[in-house]
Amino acid sequence: MAIDSVFQSWRPGTRKQYSSAWTRWHMWCNLRMCNSIKPLESDIILYLLYLKQLKKSYSVISCHKSVILETVKILNPNIVLNFNILNRFMKGLNREIPPKPRYVFTWDVGKVLNVIAKWMPLQSLSLKLLTFKLVSLVALCTAARAQSLKALNINHLCIKEDVAIFDCGDLLKTTKPGQNFVIKLCSYEEQELCPVLTLKYYLKCTQSLRKDSQLFVSFKNYKAVSSSTLARWLKNVLLLAGIDIVKYKAHSYRGASSSAASRAGCKMSEILKTANWSSAENFKVFYLRDVQNDHIESNYQNCVLNSR
């Protein structure tokens, strides 16, 4: 089917989300005896109102609208829709049910740092604790998503003196095709929190065991792990630090890390560059929590690791 080819043009995560939204739209259209591929503006608006009645959030409704419009435009290049009406509708919806951030407050980065700093010397750690230490350090020092952590590959790793650089290519959620994104780790003066030192030792310990070139491998069978496994590891570290994992999920590392960097005086441009955000607006609305200033230039990683 043509719709399957359309979905293949998106990345796996987007494809999964869009496929679910399109299926729901298609079923709704079948019940109302209207054409899901050649809808009227009124059909789309009625469907979005239906989602609103189901108490769906603005972001969910907006996602469904995007799926419908993008897919319909691809399948029917000559279709004429009044986007002014649709945009006006979404603007009004935004005022009725404005998008809300998941977290009102974030957790204290210092709590996690204090716990993992105690996991020394590295030689005394089990592979499990060593893995937990590295994955949490990388997540904090780079504001990386679990998807980004999964994309780290030792075949695309360059270690020069006190810097480790991963070339992630165009595999990440926010990376545009043809634009490479790199994740960089720098040495830190306190060895118990040095991501480069921990990375080097992790690579040494897993060199003869690993069955995949993905950086993070299972400490049980040494095979590549999924994004959900990485997310579970990050939550385990939060739990060990006494942080409520019912409230805070793995993705909260991104907001906690970037907010800590901002509180410590990291320049906004450095935060956006490190977290791979194109605009400060998204950061300020959905991630920035309890921040006083962002005007002093500083290194992102050091701002985070100095949060103890």
C-alpha atoms as a PDB file:
ATOM      1  CA  MET A   1       0.000   0.000   0.000  1.00  0.00           C
ATOM      2  CA  ALA A   2       1.066   3.577  -0.674  1.00  0.00           C
ATOM      3  CA  ILE A   3       0.574   4.507   2.982  1.00  0.00           C
ATOM      4  CA  ASP A   4       3.180   1.922   3.997  1.00  0.00           C
ATOM      5  CA  SER A   5       5.720   3.506   1.666  1.00  0.00           C
ATOM      6  CA  VAL A   6       4.974   6.906   3.174  1.00  0.00           C
ATOM      7  CA  PHE A   7       5.637   5.633   6.696  1.00  0.00           C
ATOM      8  CA  GLN A   8       8.933   4.094   5.586  1.00  0.00           C
ATOM      9  CA  SER A   9      10.220   7.608   4.818  1.00  0.00           C
ATOM     10  CA  TRP A  10      10.208   8.427   8.536  1.00  0.00           C
ATOM     11  CA  ARG A  11      12.582   7.212  11.202  1.00  0.00           C
ATOM     12  CA  PRO A  12      11.542   4.213  13.345  1.00  0.00           C
ATOM     13  CA  GLY A  13      10.396   6.228  16.376  1.00  0.00           C
ATOM     14  CA  THR A  14       8.415   8.687  14.269  1.00  0.00           C
ATOM     15  CA  ARG A  15       7.043   5.853  12.147  1.00  0.00           C
ATOM     16  CA  LYS A  16       5.694   4.049  15.194  1.00  0.00           C
ATOM     17  CA  GLN A  17       4.017   7.183  16.539  1.00  0.00           C
ATOM     18  CA  TYR A  18       2.601   8.260  13.165  1.00  0.00           C
ATOM     19  CA  SER A  19       1.372   4.783  12.259  1.00  0.00           C
ATOM     20  CA  SER A  20      -0.702   4.598  15.440  1.00  0.00           C
ATOM     21  CA  ALA A  21      -2.158   8.067  14.844  1.00  0.00           C
ATOM     22  CA  TRP A  22      -3.002   7.296  11.202  1.00  0.00           C
ATOM     23  CA  THR A  23      -4.703   4.011  12.141  1.00  0.00           C
ATOM     24  CA  ARG A  24      -6.915   5.842  14.605  1.00  0.00           C
ATOM     25  CA  TRP A  25      -7.802   8.516  12.026  1.00  0.00           C
ATOM     26  CA  HIS A  26      -8.534   5.880   9.368  1.00  0.00           C
ATOM     27  CA  MET A  27     -10.875   3.967  11.702  1.00  0.00           C
ATOM     28  CA  TRP A  28     -12.708   7.173  12.615  1.00  0.00           C
ATOM     29  CA  CYS A  29     -13.181   8.020   8.941  1.00  0.00           C
ATOM     30  CA  ASN A  30     -14.533   4.537   8.183  1.00  0.00           C
ATOM     31  CA  LEU A  31     -17.144   4.886  10.917  1.00  0.00           C
ATOM     32  CA  ARG A  32     -18.217   8.264   9.517  1.00  0.00           C
ATOM     33  CA  MET A  33     -18.122   7.059   5.896  1.00  0.00           C
ATOM     34  CA  CYS A  34     -15.590   9.688   4.804  1.00  0.00           C
ATOM     35  CA  ASN A  35     -12.352   9.298   2.862  1.00  0.00           C
ATOM     36  CA  SER A  36      -9.267   9.329   5.104  1.00  0.00           C
ATOM     37  CA  ILE A  37      -6.975  10.026   2.135  1.00  0.00           C
ATOM     38  CA  LYS A  38      -9.140  12.786   0.624  1.00  0.00           C
ATOM     39  CA  PRO A  39     -10.622  14.552   3.664  1.00  0.00           C
ATOM     40  CA  LEU A  40     -12.375  17.893   3.872  1.00  0.00           C
ATOM     41  CA  GLU A  41     -11.191  20.552   6.309  1.00  0.00           C
ATOM     42  CA  SER A  42     -14.374  19.970   8.281  1.00  0.00           C
ATOM     43  CA  ASP A  43     -13.557  16.242   8.598  1.00  0.00           C
ATOM     44  CA  ILE A  44     -10.130  16.996  10.062  1.00  0.00           C
ATOM     45  CA  ILE A  45     -11.481  19.577  12.503  1.00  0.00           C
ATOM     46  CA  LEU A  46     -14.284  17.257  13.649  1.00  0.00           C
ATOM     47  CA  TYR A  47     -11.714  14.525  14.245  1.00  0.00           C
ATOM     48  CA  LEU A  48      -9.476  16.853  16.256  1.00  0.00           C
ATOM     49  CA  LEU A  49     -12.518  17.912  18.301  1.00  0.00           C
ATOM     50  CA  TYR A  50     -13.232  14.231  18.883  1.00  0.00           C
ATOM     51  CA  LEU A  51      -9.720  13.840  20.317  1.00  0.00           C
ATOM     52  CA  LYS A  52     -10.286  16.879  22.506  1.00  0.00           C
ATOM     53  CA  GLN A  53     -13.469  15.286  23.867  1.00  0.00           C
ATOM     54  CA  LEU A  54     -11.376  12.244  24.768  1.00  0.00           C
ATOM     55  CA  LYS A  55      -9.275  14.578  26.967  1.00  0.00           C
ATOM     56  CA  LYS A  56      -6.204  14.234  24.776  1.00  0.00           C
ATOM     57  CA  SER A  57      -3.451  16.790  25.331  1.00  0.00           C
ATOM     58  CA  TYR A  58      -2.664  19.569  22.880  1.00  0.00           C
ATOM     59  CA  SER A  59       0.574  17.855  21.857  1.00  0.00           C
ATOM     60  CA  VAL A  60      -1.259  14.605  21.032  1.00  0.00           C
ATOM     61  CA  ILE A  61      -3.891  16.445  18.991  1.00  0.00           C
ATOM     62  CA  SER A  62      -1.196  18.436  17.201  1.00  0.00           C
ATOM     63  CA  CYS A  63       0.644  15.214  16.381  1.00  0.00           C
ATOM     64  CA  HIS A  64      -2.506  13.706  14.843  1.00  0.00           C
ATOM     65  CA  LYS A  65      -3.056  16.831  12.766  1.00  0.00           C
ATOM     66  CA  SER A  66       0.516  16.668  11.455  1.00  0.00           C
ATOM     67  CA  VAL A  67       0.180  12.989  10.574  1.00  0.00           C
ATOM     68  CA  ILE A  68      -3.024  13.590   8.632  1.00  0.00           C
ATOM     69  CA  LEU A  69      -1.778  16.626   6.717  1.00  0.00           C
ATOM     70  CA  GLU A  70       1.678  15.263   5.904  1.00  0.00           C
ATOM     71  CA  THR A  71       0.356  11.904   4.745  1.00  0.00           C
ATOM     72  CA  VAL A  72      -2.526  13.324   2.738  1.00  0.00           C
ATOM     73  CA  LYS A  73      -0.248  15.825   0.974  1.00  0.00           C
ATOM     74  CA  ILE A  74       2.122  13.037  -0.033  1.00  0.00           C
ATOM     75  CA  LEU A  75      -0.613  10.730  -1.293  1.00  0.00           C
ATOM     76  CA  ASN A  76      -2.582  13.536  -2.966  1.00  0.00           C
ATOM     77  CA  PRO A  77      -0.185  16.285  -4.144  1.00  0.00           C
ATOM     78  CA  ASN A  78      -3.027  18.182  -5.825  1.00  0.00           C
ATOM     79  CA  ILE A  79      -5.351  18.272  -2.830  1.00  0.00           C
ATOM     80  CA  VAL A  80      -6.463  21.758  -1.782  1.00  0.00           C
ATOM     81  CA  LEU A  81      -6.984  22.391   1.923  1.00  0.00           C
ATOM     82  CA  ASN A  82      -7.674  25.648   3.722  1.00  0.00           C
ATOM     83  CA  PHE A  83      -4.700  25.709   6.071  1.00  0.00           C
ATOM     84  CA  ASN A  84      -5.739  29.097   7.426  1.00  0.00           C
ATOM     85  CA  ILE A  85      -8.854  27.546   8.979  1.00  0.00           C
ATOM     86  CA  LEU A  86      -6.868  24.622  10.389  1.00  0.00           C
ATOM     87  CA  ASN A  87      -4.179  26.899  11.798  1.00  0.00           C
ATOM     88  CA  ARG A  88      -6.815  29.129  13.399  1.00  0.00           C
ATOM     89  CA  PHE A  89      -8.432  26.084  14.950  1.00  0.00           C
ATOM     90  CA  MET A  90      -5.115  24.885  16.403  1.00  0.00           C
ATOM     91  CA  LYS A  91      -4.348  28.369  17.721  1.00  0.00           C
ATOM     92  CA  GLY A  92      -7.673  28.428  19.553  1.00  0.00           C
ATOM     93  CA  LEU A  93      -7.064  24.913  20.857  1.00  0.00           C
ATOM     94  CA  ASN A  94      -3.670  26.000  22.118  1.00  0.00           C
ATOM     95  CA  ARG A  95      -5.359  28.643  24.253  1.00  0.00           C
ATOM     96  CA  GLU A  96      -8.026  26.246  25.532  1.00  0.00           C
ATOM     97  CA  ILE A  97      -5.669  23.406  26.446  1.00  0.00           C
ATOM     98  CA  PRO A  98      -2.129  24.837  26.343  1.00  0.00           C
ATOM     99  CA  PRO A  99       0.713  22.288  26.229  1.00  0.00           C
ATOM    100  CA  LYS A 100       2.071  21.525  29.679  1.00  0.00           C
ATOM    101  CA  PRO A 101       5.552  20.343  30.616  1.00  0.00           C
ATOM    102  CA  ARG A 102       5.816  16.910  32.195  1.00  0.00           C
ATOM    103  CA  TYR A 103       7.735  18.246  35.178  1.00  0.00           C
ATOM    104  CA  VAL A 104       7.104  21.408  37.197  1.00  0.00           C
ATOM    105  CA  PHE A 105      10.339  20.886  39.111  1.00  0.00           C
ATOM    106  CA  THR A 106      13.381  18.787  38.369  1.00  0.00           C
ATOM    107  CA  TRP A 107      15.563  16.632  40.594  1.00  0.00           C
ATOM    108  CA  ASP A 108      18.873  17.610  42.136  1.00  0.00           C
ATOM    109  CA  VAL A 109      21.737  16.492  39.891  1.00  0.00           C
ATOM    110  CA  GLY A 110      24.012  16.591  42.935  1.00  0.00           C
ATOM    111  CA  LYS A 111      22.214  13.578  44.455  1.00  0.00           C
ATOM    112  CA  VAL A 112      23.128  11.367  41.498  1.00  0.00           C
ATOM    113  CA  LEU A 113      26.669  12.739  41.323  1.00  0.00           C
ATOM    114  CA  ASN A 114      27.235  12.044  45.021  1.00  0.00           C
ATOM    115  CA  VAL A 115      26.168   8.418  44.567  1.00  0.00           C
ATOM    116  CA  ILE A 116      28.177   7.601  41.445  1.00  0.00           C
ATOM    117  CA  ALA A 117      31.236   9.444  42.799  1.00  0.00           C
ATOM    118  CA  LYS A 118      31.400   6.835  45.545  1.00  0.00           C
ATOM    119  CA  TRP A 119      31.679   4.054  42.983  1.00  0.00           C
ATOM    120  CA  MET A 120      35.467   4.063  43.065  1.00  0.00           C
ATOM    121  CA  PRO A 121      38.007   2.792  42.373  1.00  0.00           C
ATOM    122  CA  LEU A 122      36.778   1.644  38.998  1.00  0.00           C
ATOM    123  CA  GLN A 123      38.735  -1.605  39.305  1.00  0.00           C
ATOM    124  CA  SER A 124      36.600  -2.617  42.290  1.00  0.00           C
ATOM    125  CA  LEU A 125      33.262  -2.214  40.499  1.00  0.00           C
ATOM    126  CA  SER A 126      31.173  -4.965  39.002  1.00  0.00           C
ATOM    127  CA  LEU A 127      30.476  -4.553  35.291  1.00  0.00           C
ATOM    128  CA  LYS A 128      26.894  -3.687  36.224  1.00  0.00           C
ATOM    129  CA  LEU A 129      27.867  -0.757  38.459  1.00  0.00           C
ATOM    130  CA  LEU A 130      30.537   0.362  36.002  1.00  0.00           C
ATOM    131  CA  THR A 131      27.900   0.404  33.266  1.00  0.00           C
ATOM    132  CA  PHE A 132      25.461   2.323  35.465  1.00  0.00           C
ATOM    133  CA  LYS A 133      28.164   4.866  36.270  1.00  0.00           C
ATOM    134  CA  LEU A 134      29.126   5.444  32.652  1.00  0.00           C
ATOM    135  CA  VAL A 135      25.603   5.630  31.259  1.00  0.00           C
ATOM    136  CA  SER A 136      24.537   8.164  33.902  1.00  0.00           C
ATOM    137  CA  LEU A 137      27.683  10.263  33.417  1.00  0.00           C
ATOM    138  CA  VAL A 138      27.206  10.358  29.653  1.00  0.00           C
ATOM    139  CA  ALA A 139      23.514  11.204  30.023  1.00  0.00           C
ATOM    140  CA  LEU A 140      24.291  14.058  32.421  1.00  0.00           C
ATOM    141  CA  CYS A 141      27.293  15.435  30.541  1.00  0.00           C
ATOM    142  CA  THR A 142      25.573  15.478  27.150  1.00  0.00           C
ATOM    143  CA  ALA A 143      21.831  15.822  27.946  1.00  0.00           C
ATOM    144  CA  ALA A 144      21.387  12.830  25.650  1.00  0.00           C
ATOM    145  CA  ARG A 145      18.174  10.906  25.121  1.00  0.00           C
ATOM    146  CA  ALA A 146      18.162   7.136  25.537  1.00  0.00           C
ATOM    147  CA  GLN A 147      17.927   6.943  21.741  1.00  0.00           C
ATOM    148  CA  SER A 148      21.116   8.994  21.465  1.00  0.00           C
ATOM    149  CA  LEU A 149      22.903   6.778  23.982  1.00  0.00           C
ATOM    150  CA  LYS A 150      21.932   3.729  21.926  1.00  0.00           C
ATOM    151  CA  ALA A 151      23.409   5.357  18.804  1.00  0.00           C
ATOM    152  CA  LEU A 152      26.876   5.630  20.368  1.00  0.00           C
ATOM    153  CA  ASN A 153      29.191   3.216  18.574  1.00  0.00           C
ATOM    154  CA  ILE A 154      32.841   2.430  19.303  1.00  0.00           C
ATOM    155  CA  ASN A 155      33.518   2.227  15.557  1.00  0.00           C
ATOM    156  CA  HIS A 156      32.641   5.918  15.392  1.00  0.00           C
ATOM    157  CA  LEU A 157      34.601   6.907  18.480  1.00  0.00           C
ATOM    158  CA  CYS A 158      37.711   9.061  18.433  1.00  0.00           C
ATOM    159  CA  ILE A 159      39.704   9.532  21.649  1.00  0.00           C
ATOM    160  CA  LYS A 160      42.332  12.258  21.534  1.00  0.00           C
ATOM    161  CA  GLU A 161      44.208  12.960  24.739  1.00  0.00           C
ATOM    162  CA  ASP A 162      41.517  14.058  27.182  1.00  0.00           C
ATOM    163  CA  VAL A 163      38.563  14.200  24.782  1.00  0.00           C
ATOM    164  CA  ALA A 164      36.280  11.456  23.471  1.00  0.00           C
ATOM    165  CA  ILE A 165      34.102  12.199  20.438  1.00  0.00           C
ATOM    166  CA  PHE A 166      31.296  10.049  19.031  1.00  0.00           C
ATOM    167  CA  ASP A 167      30.069  10.749  15.504  1.00  0.00           C
ATOM    168  CA  CYS A 168      26.352   9.929  15.594  1.00  0.00           C
ATOM    169  CA  GLY A 169      25.737  10.662  11.924  1.00  0.00           C
ATOM    170  CA  ASP A 170      22.127  11.524  11.112  1.00  0.00           C
ATOM    171  CA  LEU A 171      20.558   8.782  13.237  1.00  0.00           C
ATOM    172  CA  LEU A 172      19.206  10.927  16.047  1.00  0.00           C
ATOM    173  CA  LYS A 173      15.681  12.276  16.485  1.00  0.00           C
ATOM    174  CA  THR A 174      16.595  15.938  16.069  1.00  0.00           C
ATOM    175  CA  THR A 175      19.304  15.516  13.423  1.00  0.00           C
ATOM    176  CA  LYS A 176      18.422  16.528   9.890  1.00  0.00           C
ATOM    177  CA  PRO A 177      19.455  14.185   7.043  1.00  0.00           C
ATOM    178  CA  GLY A 178      22.951  14.939   5.836  1.00  0.00           C
ATOM    179  CA  GLN A 179      23.927  16.750   9.035  1.00  0.00           C
ATOM    180  CA  ASN A 180      26.207  14.882  11.400  1.00  0.00           C
ATOM    181  CA  PHE A 181      25.848  15.340  15.138  1.00  0.00           C
ATOM    182  CA  VAL A 182      28.694  14.595  17.511  1.00  0.00           C
ATOM    183  CA  ILE A 183      28.624  13.844  21.226  1.00  0.00           C
ATOM    184  CA  LYS A 184      31.745  14.989  23.044  1.00  0.00           C
ATOM    185  CA  LEU A 185      33.055  14.039  26.468  1.00  0.00           C
ATOM    186  CA  CYS A 186      35.917  15.891  28.146  1.00  0.00           C
ATOM    187  CA  SER A 187      38.163  14.859  31.013  1.00  0.00           C
ATOM    188  CA  TYR A 188      37.188  16.185  34.435  1.00  0.00           C
ATOM    189  CA  GLU A 189      39.609  17.053  37.217  1.00  0.00           C
ATOM    190  CA  GLU A 190      37.824  14.897  39.809  1.00  0.00           C
ATOM    191  CA  GLN A 191      38.545  11.357  38.667  1.00  0.00           C
ATOM    192  CA  GLU A 192      35.499   9.911  40.420  1.00  0.00           C
ATOM    193  CA  LEU A 193      33.319  11.918  38.025  1.00  0.00           C
ATOM    194  CA  CYS A 194      35.516  11.903  34.922  1.00  0.00           C
ATOM    195  CA  PRO A 195      33.472  10.546  31.982  1.00  0.00           C
ATOM    196  CA  VAL A 196      36.544   9.983  29.780  1.00  0.00           C
ATOM    197  CA  LEU A 197      38.379   7.980  32.449  1.00  0.00           C
ATOM    198  CA  THR A 198      35.253   5.902  33.086  1.00  0.00           C
ATOM    199  CA  LEU A 199      34.713   5.404  29.344  1.00  0.00           C
ATOM    200  CA  LYS A 200      38.280   4.194  28.790  1.00  0.00           C
ATOM    201  CA  TYR A 201      38.034   1.695  31.620  1.00  0.00           C
ATOM    202  CA  TYR A 202      34.623   0.483  30.423  1.00  0.00           C
ATOM    203  CA  LEU A 203      36.028  -0.111  26.932  1.00  0.00           C
ATOM    204  CA  LYS A 204      38.950  -2.021  28.438  1.00  0.00           C
ATOM    205  CA  CYS A 205      36.655  -4.221  30.527  1.00  0.00           C
ATOM    206  CA  THR A 206      34.276  -5.032  27.674  1.00  0.00           C
ATOM    207  CA  GLN A 207      36.838  -5.349  24.877  1.00  0.00           C
ATOM    208  CA  SER A 208      37.115  -9.140  24.973  1.00  0.00           C
ATOM    209  CA  LEU A 209      33.486  -9.695  26.001  1.00  0.00           C
ATOM    210  CA  ARG A 210      31.359  -7.490  23.772  1.00  0.00           C
ATOM    211  CA  LYS A 211      29.449  -8.989  20.865  1.00  0.00           C
ATOM    212  CA  ASP A 212      28.518  -5.703  19.263  1.00  0.00           C
ATOM    213  CA  SER A 213      30.168  -2.381  18.417  1.00  0.00           C
ATOM    214  CA  GLN A 214      27.406  -0.409  20.132  1.00  0.00           C
ATOM    215  CA  LEU A 215      29.008   1.331  23.116  1.00  0.00           C
ATOM    216  CA  PHE A 216      26.607   0.075  25.757  1.00  0.00           C
ATOM    217  CA  VAL A 217      26.242  -3.687  25.874  1.00  0.00           C
ATOM    218  CA  SER A 218      24.446  -5.949  28.326  1.00  0.00           C
ATOM    219  CA  PHE A 219      26.455  -6.837  31.417  1.00  0.00           C
ATOM    220  CA  LYS A 220      24.867 -10.316  31.202  1.00  0.00           C
ATOM    221  CA  ASN A 221      25.209 -11.480  27.588  1.00  0.00           C
ATOM    222  CA  TYR A 222      27.392  -8.618  26.234  1.00  0.00           C
ATOM    223  CA  LYS A 223      25.062  -7.940  23.316  1.00  0.00           C
ATOM    224  CA  ALA A 224      23.766  -4.542  22.215  1.00  0.00           C
ATOM    225  CA  VAL A 225      20.944  -3.182  24.370  1.00  0.00           C
ATOM    226  CA  SER A 226      17.779  -1.334  23.406  1.00  0.00           C
ATOM    227  CA  SER A 227      16.766   2.232  24.240  1.00  0.00           C
ATOM    228  CA  SER A 228      14.287   0.885  26.787  1.00  0.00           C
ATOM    229  CA  THR A 229      17.070  -0.996  28.582  1.00  0.00           C
ATOM    230  CA  LEU A 230      19.210   2.136  28.705  1.00  0.00           C
ATOM    231  CA  ALA A 231      16.223   4.043  30.084  1.00  0.00           C
ATOM    232  CA  ARG A 232      15.766   1.383  32.762  1.00  0.00           C
ATOM    233  CA  TRP A 233      19.436   1.654  33.748  1.00  0.00           C
ATOM    234  CA  LEU A 234      19.112   5.428  34.090  1.00  0.00           C
ATOM    235  CA  LYS A 235      16.041   4.991  36.299  1.00  0.00           C
ATOM    236  CA  ASN A 236      17.938   2.468  38.439  1.00  0.00           C
ATOM    237  CA  VAL A 237      20.586   5.096  39.141  1.00  0.00           C
ATOM    238  CA  LEU A 238      17.879   7.596  40.091  1.00  0.00           C
ATOM    239  CA  LEU A 239      16.431   5.021  42.479  1.00  0.00           C
ATOM    240  CA  LEU A 240      19.840   4.426  44.072  1.00  0.00           C
ATOM    241  CA  ALA A 241      20.138   8.204  44.525  1.00  0.00           C
ATOM    242  CA  GLY A 242      16.812   8.346  46.359  1.00  0.00           C
ATOM    243  CA  ILE A 243      14.912  10.063  43.558  1.00  0.00           C
ATOM    244  CA  ASP A 244      11.252   9.243  42.932  1.00  0.00           C
ATOM    245  CA  ILE A 245      11.221   7.124  39.759  1.00  0.00           C
ATOM    246  CA  VAL A 246       7.426   7.053  39.730  1.00  0.00           C
ATOM    247  CA  LYS A 247       7.517  10.776  39.016  1.00  0.00           C
ATOM    248  CA  TYR A 248      10.814  11.066  37.137  1.00  0.00           C
ATOM    249  CA  LYS A 249      11.629   8.924  34.125  1.00  0.00           C
ATOM    250  CA  ALA A 250      14.868   8.437  32.192  1.00  0.00           C
ATOM    251  CA  HIS A 251      14.121  11.396  29.931  1.00  0.00           C
ATOM    252  CA  SER A 252      14.241  13.666  32.994  1.00  0.00           C
ATOM    253  CA  TYR A 253      18.062  13.479  32.830  1.00  0.00           C
ATOM    254  CA  ARG A 254      17.840  15.825  29.851  1.00  0.00           C
ATOM    255  CA  GLY A 255      15.987  18.516  31.767  1.00  0.00           C
ATOM    256  CA  ALA A 256      17.851  18.034  35.061  1.00  0.00           C
ATOM    257  CA  SER A 257      21.212  18.204  33.313  1.00  0.00           C
ATOM    258  CA  SER A 258      20.465  21.251  31.156  1.00  0.00           C
ATOM    259  CA  SER A 259      18.824  23.103  34.058  1.00  0.00           C
ATOM    260  CA  ALA A 260      21.861  22.403  36.267  1.00  0.00           C
ATOM    261  CA  ALA A 261      24.138  23.716  33.539  1.00  0.00           C
ATOM    262  CA  SER A 262      22.067  26.878  33.221  1.00  0.00           C
ATOM    263  CA  ARG A 263      22.000  27.436  36.991  1.00  0.00           C
ATOM    264  CA  ALA A 264      25.773  27.118  37.023  1.00  0.00           C
ATOM    265  CA  GLY A 265      26.087  29.880  34.432  1.00  0.00           C
ATOM    266  CA  CYS A 266      26.509  27.945  31.205  1.00  0.00           C
ATOM    267  CA  LYS A 267      25.917  30.088  28.139  1.00  0.00           C
ATOM    268  CA  MET A 268      22.615  29.421  26.373  1.00  0.00           C
ATOM    269  CA  SER A 269      24.320  28.775  23.036  1.00  0.00           C
ATOM    270  CA  GLU A 270      26.430  26.050  24.665  1.00  0.00           C
ATOM    271  CA  ILE A 271      23.359  24.411  26.185  1.00  0.00           C
ATOM    272  CA  LEU A 272      21.534  24.384  22.842  1.00  0.00           C
ATOM    273  CA  LYS A 273      24.586  23.018  21.051  1.00  0.00           C
ATOM    274  CA  THR A 274      25.183  20.245  23.586  1.00  0.00           C
ATOM    275  CA  ALA A 275      21.556  19.120  23.777  1.00  0.00           C
ATOM    276  CA  ASN A 276      21.074  19.530  19.999  1.00  0.00           C
ATOM    277  CA  TRP A 277      18.232  22.032  20.313  1.00  0.00           C
ATOM    278  CA  SER A 278      17.729  24.479  17.448  1.00  0.00           C
ATOM    279  CA  SER A 279      15.813  26.998  19.571  1.00  0.00           C
ATOM    280  CA  ALA A 280      15.931  28.207  23.152  1.00  0.00           C
ATOM    281  CA  GLU A 281      12.122  28.277  23.247  1.00  0.00           C
ATOM    282  CA  ASN A 282      11.713  24.500  23.508  1.00  0.00           C
ATOM    283  CA  PHE A 283      14.336  24.353  26.257  1.00  0.00           C
ATOM    284  CA  LYS A 284      12.771  27.166  28.262  1.00  0.00           C
ATOM    285  CA  VAL A 285       9.208  25.861  28.001  1.00  0.00           C
ATOM    286  CA  PHE A 286       9.724  22.137  28.555  1.00  0.00           C
ATOM    287  CA  TYR A 287      13.104  21.634  30.237  1.00  0.00           C
ATOM    288  CA  LEU A 288      14.340  24.716  32.069  1.00  0.00           C
ATOM    289  CA  ARG A 289      13.504  24.496  35.776  1.00  0.00           C
ATOM    290  CA  ASP A 290      14.469  26.806  38.638  1.00  0.00           C
ATOM    291  CA  VAL A 291      17.158  28.718  36.741  1.00  0.00           C
ATOM    292  CA  GLN A 292      18.460  32.146  37.707  1.00  0.00           C
ATOM    293  CA  ASN A 293      20.838  33.137  34.898  1.00  0.00           C
ATOM    294  CA  ASP A 294      22.364  31.925  31.662  1.00  0.00           C
ATOM    295  CA  HIS A 295      24.676  34.741  30.596  1.00  0.00           C
ATOM    296  CA  ILE A 296      28.094  33.541  31.768  1.00  0.00           C
ATOM    297  CA  GLU A 297      30.039  31.483  29.265  1.00  0.00           C
ATOM    298  CA  SER A 298      31.184  28.118  30.598  1.00  0.00           C
ATOM    299  CA  ASN A 299      31.715  24.511  29.600  1.00  0.00           C
ATOM    300  CA  TYR A 300      28.461  22.518  29.696  1.00  0.00           C
ATOM    301  CA  GLN A 301      29.980  19.361  31.179  1.00  0.00           C
ATOM    302  CA  ASN A 302      31.811  21.211  33.950  1.00  0.00           C
ATOM    303  CA  CYS A 303      28.663  23.145  34.849  1.00  0.00           C
ATOM    304  CA  VAL A 304      26.809  19.865  35.340  1.00  0.00           C
ATOM    305  CA  LEU A 305      29.534  18.009  37.215  1.00  0.00           C
ATOM    306  CA  ASN A 306      30.141  20.990  39.523  1.00  0.00           C
ATOM    307  CA  SER A 307      26.562  20.725  40.756  1.00  0.00           C
ATOM    308  CA  ARG A 308      27.457  18.708  43.854  1.00  0.00           C
END
